Amino acid sequence: MSGLSVGTGVLREDLFSKILSDNLTIPLSSFIMEPITGPETEVGVIVRLPDDKALFAISVAAELCRCHPRTLRLYEEYGFLSPVRTAGNTRLYSALDIATVERIRYYTQVKGVNLAGVRIILEMERRWLGEEADRE
């Protein structure tokens, strides 16, 4: 099955096309698409999204993360996400938000960490990355 990868997830091409046609708020040229090839045929395309651009409405972001929109609202309430708000108060999520949700889900579902533990882990990562940046 040919698919598209966003971050670490894989999307069906028809789903990605729908997302682009229905929800694209930036030019298509902002995306970098690279083919993924298999032994005999093209398997799909890696799509690299601009990290800092708020692109996706909550329903699309939830579909990309393979979670319920309520989960995204819950993560926002806990302070894990800060989606951009439009003038009409609609949440828009960026590729960084999607990556954060994937990390939260990895810690909770694969490693068995509760959300309080995830908060500590993410804070430690931020501090460590900040110290690394200060050293350079």
Protein backbone atom coordinates (compact mmCIF):
# COMPACT_ATOMS: atom_id res chain seq x y z
CA MET A 1 0.00 0.00 0.00
CA SER A 2 1.43 3.35 -0.97
CA GLY A 3 1.36 5.90 1.80
CA LEU A 4 2.73 9.17 3.05
CA SER A 5 4.76 9.71 6.18
CA VAL A 6 4.27 12.74 8.39
CA GLY A 7 6.73 12.65 11.24
CA THR A 8 6.72 9.00 12.24
CA GLY A 9 3.19 8.21 11.05
CA VAL A 10 2.12 6.90 7.67
CA LEU A 11 -0.95 8.22 5.87
CA ARG A 12 -2.81 6.81 2.93
CA GLU A 13 -2.29 8.98 -0.12
CA ASP A 14 -6.03 9.67 -0.48
CA LEU A 15 -6.19 10.91 3.13
CA PHE A 16 -3.20 13.20 2.64
CA SER A 17 -4.71 14.55 -0.60
CA LYS A 18 -7.95 15.31 1.25
CA ILE A 19 -6.03 17.07 4.01
CA LEU A 20 -4.18 19.18 1.46
CA SER A 21 -7.24 20.10 -0.57
CA ASP A 22 -9.53 20.82 2.42
CA ASN A 23 -7.20 22.33 4.97
CA LEU A 24 -4.06 23.71 3.41
CA THR A 25 -3.32 27.18 4.77
CA ILE A 26 0.16 27.53 3.27
CA PRO A 27 1.49 27.00 -0.27
CA LEU A 28 2.15 23.44 -1.35
CA SER A 29 5.75 24.49 -2.05
CA SER A 30 6.28 24.67 1.73
CA PHE A 31 6.15 20.87 1.86
CA ILE A 32 9.18 18.74 1.02
CA MET A 33 8.20 15.39 -0.44
CA GLU A 34 10.75 12.63 -0.89
CA PRO A 35 9.99 9.21 -2.37
CA ILE A 36 10.42 6.12 -0.23
CA THR A 37 11.53 3.23 -2.41
CA GLY A 38 11.32 -0.45 -1.72
CA PRO A 39 13.21 -3.34 -3.30
CA GLU A 40 11.18 -3.26 -6.51
CA THR A 41 8.76 -0.36 -6.42
CA GLU A 42 8.04 3.02 -4.88
CA VAL A 43 6.44 2.49 -1.49
CA GLY A 44 5.31 6.02 -0.69
CA VAL A 45 6.43 9.55 -0.03
CA ILE A 46 7.91 11.21 3.06
CA VAL A 47 6.30 14.58 3.64
CA ARG A 48 8.25 17.05 5.71
CA LEU A 49 6.04 19.77 7.14
CA PRO A 50 7.14 23.23 8.22
CA ASP A 51 7.58 22.89 12.00
CA ASP A 52 6.28 26.24 13.11
CA LYS A 53 3.28 26.83 10.82
CA ALA A 54 -0.17 26.15 12.26
CA LEU A 55 -1.77 24.09 9.52
CA PHE A 56 -4.35 21.68 10.80
CA ALA A 57 -7.77 22.02 12.39
CA ILE A 58 -8.41 19.80 15.40
CA SER A 59 -10.21 17.11 13.39
CA VAL A 60 -7.34 16.82 10.92
CA ALA A 61 -4.70 16.91 13.64
CA ALA A 62 -6.54 14.15 15.50
CA GLU A 63 -6.65 12.05 12.34
CA LEU A 64 -2.91 12.58 11.79
CA CYS A 65 -2.20 11.57 15.40
CA ARG A 66 -4.67 8.67 15.24
CA CYS A 67 -6.46 9.90 18.36
CA HIS A 68 -9.78 11.51 19.28
CA PRO A 69 -10.10 15.32 19.12
CA ARG A 70 -10.96 15.25 22.83
CA THR A 71 -7.48 13.85 23.47
CA LEU A 72 -5.94 16.93 21.86
CA ARG A 73 -8.14 19.22 23.96
CA LEU A 74 -7.13 17.26 27.07
CA TYR A 75 -3.43 17.62 26.23
CA GLU A 76 -4.03 21.36 25.80
CA GLU A 77 -5.73 21.53 29.22
CA TYR A 78 -2.72 19.74 30.76
CA GLY A 79 -0.38 22.27 29.13
CA PHE A 80 1.32 19.90 26.70
CA LEU A 81 0.04 21.75 23.60
CA SER A 82 -0.62 25.40 22.79
CA PRO A 83 -2.39 25.46 19.42
CA VAL A 84 -2.71 28.74 17.59
CA ARG A 85 -6.21 30.23 17.72
CA THR A 86 -7.86 31.91 14.75
CA ALA A 87 -10.06 35.00 15.04
CA GLY A 88 -13.02 32.61 15.30
CA ASN A 89 -11.27 30.75 18.18
CA THR A 90 -10.57 27.64 16.07
CA ARG A 91 -7.53 25.65 17.13
CA LEU A 92 -4.80 25.17 14.52
CA TYR A 93 -2.02 22.65 15.12
CA SER A 94 1.51 22.65 13.70
CA ALA A 95 3.83 19.78 12.83
CA LEU A 96 5.57 20.35 16.19
CA ASP A 97 2.24 19.85 17.95
CA ILE A 98 1.71 16.61 16.03
CA ALA A 99 5.23 15.44 16.99
CA THR A 100 4.56 16.31 20.64
CA VAL A 101 1.37 14.24 20.61
CA GLU A 102 3.27 11.32 19.09
CA ARG A 103 5.86 11.56 21.89
CA ILE A 104 3.14 11.74 24.57
CA ARG A 105 1.40 8.70 23.09
CA TYR A 106 4.72 6.82 22.90
CA TYR A 107 5.43 7.46 26.58
CA THR A 108 1.90 6.60 27.71
CA GLN A 109 1.10 3.66 25.43
CA VAL A 110 4.48 2.02 24.84
CA LYS A 111 6.38 2.86 28.00
CA GLY A 112 3.39 2.92 30.37
CA VAL A 113 4.09 6.37 31.81
CA ASN A 114 1.13 8.34 33.17
CA LEU A 115 0.53 11.97 32.14
CA ALA A 116 2.16 13.33 35.30
CA GLY A 117 5.29 11.38 34.39
CA VAL A 118 5.11 12.58 30.81
CA ARG A 119 4.99 16.18 32.07
CA ILE A 120 8.23 15.58 34.01
CA ILE A 121 9.92 13.86 31.06
CA LEU A 122 9.00 16.64 28.62
CA GLU A 123 10.21 19.30 31.06
CA MET A 124 13.49 17.45 31.51
CA GLU A 125 13.88 17.24 27.71
CA ARG A 126 13.24 20.99 27.36
CA ARG A 127 15.81 21.79 30.03
CA TRP A 128 18.36 19.44 28.51
CA LEU A 129 17.85 20.87 25.03
CA GLY A 130 18.13 24.38 26.46
CA GLU A 131 21.44 23.51 28.13
CA GLU A 132 22.71 21.96 24.90
CA ALA A 133 21.84 25.15 23.00
CA ASP A 134 23.62 27.25 25.63
CA ARG A 135 26.80 25.18 25.25
CA GLU A 136 26.97 25.75 21.50
